[in-house]
N, C-alpha and C. Protein backbone atom coordinates (compact mmCIF):
# COMPACT_ATOMS: atom_id res chain seq x y z
N MET A 1 4.59 12.03 9.99
CA MET A 1 5.56 11.16 9.36
C MET A 1 5.90 9.98 10.28
N ALA A 2 5.99 10.25 11.55
CA ALA A 2 6.33 9.18 12.50
C ALA A 2 5.27 8.09 12.49
N ASP A 3 3.99 8.48 12.39
CA ASP A 3 2.92 7.48 12.35
C ASP A 3 3.03 6.59 11.12
N ILE A 4 3.43 7.16 10.00
CA ILE A 4 3.61 6.38 8.77
C ILE A 4 4.72 5.35 8.98
N ILE A 5 5.84 5.79 9.53
CA ILE A 5 6.97 4.88 9.76
C ILE A 5 6.58 3.78 10.73
N ILE A 6 5.84 4.12 11.77
CA ILE A 6 5.40 3.11 12.73
C ILE A 6 4.54 2.06 12.04
N ARG A 7 3.59 2.48 11.20
CA ARG A 7 2.73 1.52 10.49
C ARG A 7 3.55 0.64 9.55
N LEU A 8 4.49 1.26 8.82
CA LEU A 8 5.31 0.48 7.90
C LEU A 8 6.17 -0.54 8.66
N GLU A 9 6.75 -0.13 9.78
CA GLU A 9 7.55 -1.06 10.58
C GLU A 9 6.69 -2.19 11.14
N ARG A 10 5.49 -1.87 11.59
CA ARG A 10 4.61 -2.91 12.12
C ARG A 10 4.20 -3.88 11.02
N TYR A 11 3.92 -3.36 9.82
CA TYR A 11 3.57 -4.25 8.70
C TYR A 11 4.77 -5.13 8.35
N ALA A 12 5.97 -4.55 8.35
CA ALA A 12 7.18 -5.33 8.03
C ALA A 12 7.41 -6.44 9.05
N ALA A 13 7.14 -6.16 10.30
CA ALA A 13 7.38 -7.15 11.35
C ALA A 13 6.32 -8.24 11.40
N THR A 14 5.05 -7.88 11.13
CA THR A 14 3.96 -8.83 11.31
C THR A 14 3.31 -9.30 10.01
N GLY A 15 3.47 -8.51 8.94
CA GLY A 15 2.83 -8.85 7.67
C GLY A 15 1.37 -8.48 7.61
N THR A 16 0.90 -7.77 8.64
CA THR A 16 -0.50 -7.36 8.65
C THR A 16 -0.67 -6.13 9.52
N LEU A 17 -1.82 -5.51 9.40
CA LEU A 17 -2.23 -4.40 10.24
C LEU A 17 -3.72 -4.59 10.54
N ALA A 18 -4.26 -3.75 11.40
CA ALA A 18 -5.68 -3.85 11.72
C ALA A 18 -6.52 -3.50 10.49
N VAL A 19 -7.36 -4.45 10.07
CA VAL A 19 -8.24 -4.24 8.92
C VAL A 19 -9.62 -3.90 9.46
N PRO A 20 -10.33 -2.92 8.99
CA PRO A 20 -10.04 -1.99 7.91
C PRO A 20 -9.48 -0.66 8.41
N ARG A 21 -9.18 -0.56 9.71
CA ARG A 21 -8.73 0.72 10.26
C ARG A 21 -7.39 1.17 9.70
N GLU A 22 -6.43 0.26 9.49
CA GLU A 22 -5.09 0.63 9.05
C GLU A 22 -4.70 0.06 7.70
N LEU A 23 -5.46 -0.91 7.19
CA LEU A 23 -5.07 -1.62 5.97
C LEU A 23 -6.30 -2.01 5.17
N ASN A 24 -6.26 -1.77 3.86
CA ASN A 24 -7.35 -2.19 2.97
C ASN A 24 -6.78 -2.99 1.81
N ASP A 25 -7.52 -4.00 1.38
CA ASP A 25 -7.23 -4.65 0.11
C ASP A 25 -7.99 -3.88 -0.95
N LEU A 26 -7.30 -3.43 -1.99
CA LEU A 26 -7.97 -2.66 -3.03
C LEU A 26 -8.37 -3.57 -4.19
N ARG A 27 -7.39 -3.92 -5.06
CA ARG A 27 -7.70 -4.84 -6.16
C ARG A 27 -6.41 -5.25 -6.84
N ASP A 28 -6.42 -6.43 -7.47
CA ASP A 28 -5.29 -6.95 -8.25
C ASP A 28 -3.97 -6.94 -7.49
N GLY A 29 -4.00 -7.35 -6.23
CA GLY A 29 -2.77 -7.42 -5.44
C GLY A 29 -2.34 -6.11 -4.82
N ILE A 30 -3.14 -5.06 -4.99
CA ILE A 30 -2.81 -3.75 -4.43
C ILE A 30 -3.51 -3.62 -3.08
N ARG A 31 -2.75 -3.16 -2.10
CA ARG A 31 -3.28 -2.89 -0.77
C ARG A 31 -3.02 -1.44 -0.44
N GLU A 32 -3.56 -0.99 0.68
CA GLU A 32 -3.44 0.42 1.05
C GLU A 32 -3.24 0.51 2.55
N ILE A 33 -2.16 1.18 2.96
CA ILE A 33 -1.93 1.49 4.37
C ILE A 33 -2.58 2.84 4.64
N LYS A 34 -3.31 2.92 5.75
CA LYS A 34 -4.02 4.14 6.10
C LYS A 34 -3.44 4.72 7.38
N VAL A 35 -3.09 6.01 7.31
CA VAL A 35 -2.58 6.72 8.48
C VAL A 35 -3.28 8.08 8.50
N GLY A 36 -4.30 8.21 9.34
CA GLY A 36 -5.09 9.44 9.34
C GLY A 36 -5.71 9.65 7.97
N ASP A 37 -5.47 10.81 7.36
CA ASP A 37 -5.97 11.10 6.01
C ASP A 37 -5.00 10.68 4.91
N VAL A 38 -3.84 10.16 5.28
CA VAL A 38 -2.83 9.73 4.30
C VAL A 38 -3.11 8.30 3.87
N ARG A 39 -3.04 8.07 2.56
CA ARG A 39 -3.22 6.73 2.00
C ARG A 39 -1.97 6.37 1.20
N LEU A 40 -1.47 5.14 1.39
CA LEU A 40 -0.26 4.68 0.73
C LEU A 40 -0.53 3.36 0.02
N PRO A 41 -0.91 3.40 -1.27
CA PRO A 41 -1.09 2.15 -2.01
C PRO A 41 0.26 1.44 -2.17
N PHE A 42 0.23 0.10 -2.09
CA PHE A 42 1.46 -0.68 -2.20
C PHE A 42 1.14 -2.08 -2.66
N PHE A 43 2.21 -2.83 -2.97
CA PHE A 43 2.06 -4.26 -3.24
C PHE A 43 3.28 -4.97 -2.70
N ASP A 44 3.11 -6.27 -2.41
CA ASP A 44 4.23 -7.09 -1.96
C ASP A 44 5.10 -7.43 -3.16
N VAL A 45 6.41 -7.39 -2.98
CA VAL A 45 7.36 -7.72 -4.05
C VAL A 45 7.61 -9.23 -4.01
N PRO A 46 7.11 -9.96 -5.01
CA PRO A 46 7.29 -11.42 -4.99
C PRO A 46 8.76 -11.81 -5.14
N GLY A 47 9.15 -12.83 -4.41
CA GLY A 47 10.53 -13.33 -4.50
C GLY A 47 11.53 -12.48 -3.76
N SER A 48 11.08 -11.48 -3.05
CA SER A 48 11.98 -10.61 -2.31
C SER A 48 12.52 -11.35 -1.09
N VAL A 49 13.82 -11.30 -0.90
CA VAL A 49 14.45 -11.97 0.25
C VAL A 49 13.97 -11.35 1.56
N ALA A 50 13.76 -10.05 1.57
CA ALA A 50 13.39 -9.34 2.79
C ALA A 50 11.88 -9.12 2.90
N ASN A 51 11.07 -9.83 2.08
CA ASN A 51 9.62 -9.61 2.06
C ASN A 51 9.28 -8.14 1.86
N ALA A 52 9.92 -7.53 0.88
CA ALA A 52 9.78 -6.10 0.61
C ALA A 52 8.40 -5.76 0.07
N ILE A 53 8.02 -4.50 0.27
CA ILE A 53 6.83 -3.96 -0.37
C ILE A 53 7.26 -2.80 -1.23
N ARG A 54 6.42 -2.44 -2.20
CA ARG A 54 6.70 -1.29 -3.05
C ARG A 54 5.56 -0.31 -2.91
N LEU A 55 5.86 0.87 -2.33
CA LEU A 55 4.87 1.94 -2.27
C LEU A 55 4.78 2.54 -3.66
N THR A 56 3.57 2.73 -4.15
CA THR A 56 3.41 3.23 -5.51
C THR A 56 3.12 4.71 -5.55
N SER A 57 2.52 5.25 -4.51
CA SER A 57 2.22 6.68 -4.44
C SER A 57 1.70 6.96 -3.05
N GLY A 58 1.40 8.18 -2.80
CA GLY A 58 0.77 8.56 -1.55
C GLY A 58 -0.15 9.73 -1.83
N PHE A 59 -1.24 9.81 -1.09
CA PHE A 59 -2.16 10.92 -1.31
C PHE A 59 -2.97 11.16 -0.05
N LEU A 60 -3.59 12.33 0.01
CA LEU A 60 -4.48 12.67 1.12
C LEU A 60 -5.89 12.27 0.75
N LYS A 61 -6.55 11.62 1.65
CA LYS A 61 -7.92 11.17 1.43
C LYS A 61 -8.85 12.38 1.37
N LYS A 62 -9.64 12.45 0.29
CA LYS A 62 -10.60 13.54 0.15
C LYS A 62 -12.01 13.01 -0.05
N SER A 63 -12.14 11.69 -0.23
CA SER A 63 -13.46 11.10 -0.41
C SER A 63 -13.51 9.76 0.30
N TRP A 64 -14.67 9.16 0.34
CA TRP A 64 -14.86 7.90 1.05
C TRP A 64 -14.07 6.76 0.40
N GLN A 65 -14.04 6.71 -0.93
CA GLN A 65 -13.34 5.64 -1.64
C GLN A 65 -11.98 6.11 -2.14
N THR A 66 -11.08 5.13 -2.33
CA THR A 66 -9.79 5.44 -2.94
C THR A 66 -10.04 5.78 -4.41
N PRO A 67 -9.56 6.94 -4.88
CA PRO A 67 -9.78 7.31 -6.28
C PRO A 67 -9.22 6.26 -7.24
N ARG A 68 -9.98 5.96 -8.26
CA ARG A 68 -9.62 4.93 -9.23
C ARG A 68 -8.25 5.18 -9.86
N GLY A 69 -7.90 6.44 -10.10
CA GLY A 69 -6.62 6.77 -10.72
C GLY A 69 -5.43 6.27 -9.91
N TYR A 70 -5.51 6.35 -8.60
CA TYR A 70 -4.42 5.88 -7.75
C TYR A 70 -4.32 4.35 -7.79
N ILE A 71 -5.47 3.70 -7.81
CA ILE A 71 -5.46 2.23 -7.91
C ILE A 71 -4.91 1.81 -9.27
N ASP A 72 -5.37 2.45 -10.34
CA ASP A 72 -4.89 2.11 -11.68
C ASP A 72 -3.38 2.35 -11.82
N GLU A 73 -2.89 3.45 -11.23
CA GLU A 73 -1.45 3.73 -11.25
C GLU A 73 -0.67 2.63 -10.53
N ALA A 74 -1.17 2.21 -9.37
CA ALA A 74 -0.50 1.16 -8.60
C ALA A 74 -0.49 -0.16 -9.37
N ILE A 75 -1.59 -0.48 -10.04
CA ILE A 75 -1.66 -1.70 -10.84
C ILE A 75 -0.66 -1.63 -11.99
N TRP A 76 -0.55 -0.47 -12.63
CA TRP A 76 0.40 -0.30 -13.73
C TRP A 76 1.84 -0.48 -13.24
N VAL A 77 2.17 0.14 -12.09
CA VAL A 77 3.52 0.00 -11.53
C VAL A 77 3.80 -1.46 -11.20
N ARG A 78 2.84 -2.15 -10.62
CA ARG A 78 3.01 -3.56 -10.27
C ARG A 78 3.27 -4.40 -11.51
N LYS A 79 2.49 -4.19 -12.56
CA LYS A 79 2.69 -4.94 -13.80
C LYS A 79 4.06 -4.68 -14.41
N GLU A 80 4.48 -3.43 -14.39
CA GLU A 80 5.81 -3.07 -14.91
C GLU A 80 6.91 -3.74 -14.10
N ASP A 81 6.78 -3.73 -12.78
CA ASP A 81 7.78 -4.36 -11.92
C ASP A 81 7.85 -5.87 -12.14
N LEU A 82 6.69 -6.51 -12.25
CA LEU A 82 6.66 -7.95 -12.42
C LEU A 82 7.16 -8.38 -13.79
N ALA A 83 7.06 -7.49 -14.78
CA ALA A 83 7.53 -7.80 -16.13
C ALA A 83 9.06 -7.71 -16.23
N SER A 84 9.70 -6.98 -15.31
CA SER A 84 11.16 -6.82 -15.40
C SER A 84 11.89 -7.99 -14.82
């Protein structure tokens, strides 16, 4: 858990992480923070005063690629958030 918090704090402070070791661009504005086998899909919240991000889910990596279902879920959450 501490490693996850460290990565999130570093991303908040710098706006980036080491690519592709700690951060991946997935698709349609969705990115992924990587901490060991943990993957955290997220997107930047546009217009946020604090440059906030929204984590959409978290999962343990079991294959080489991020499962499509997690990416699709993150895209759906992003669209819902942007529509509100």
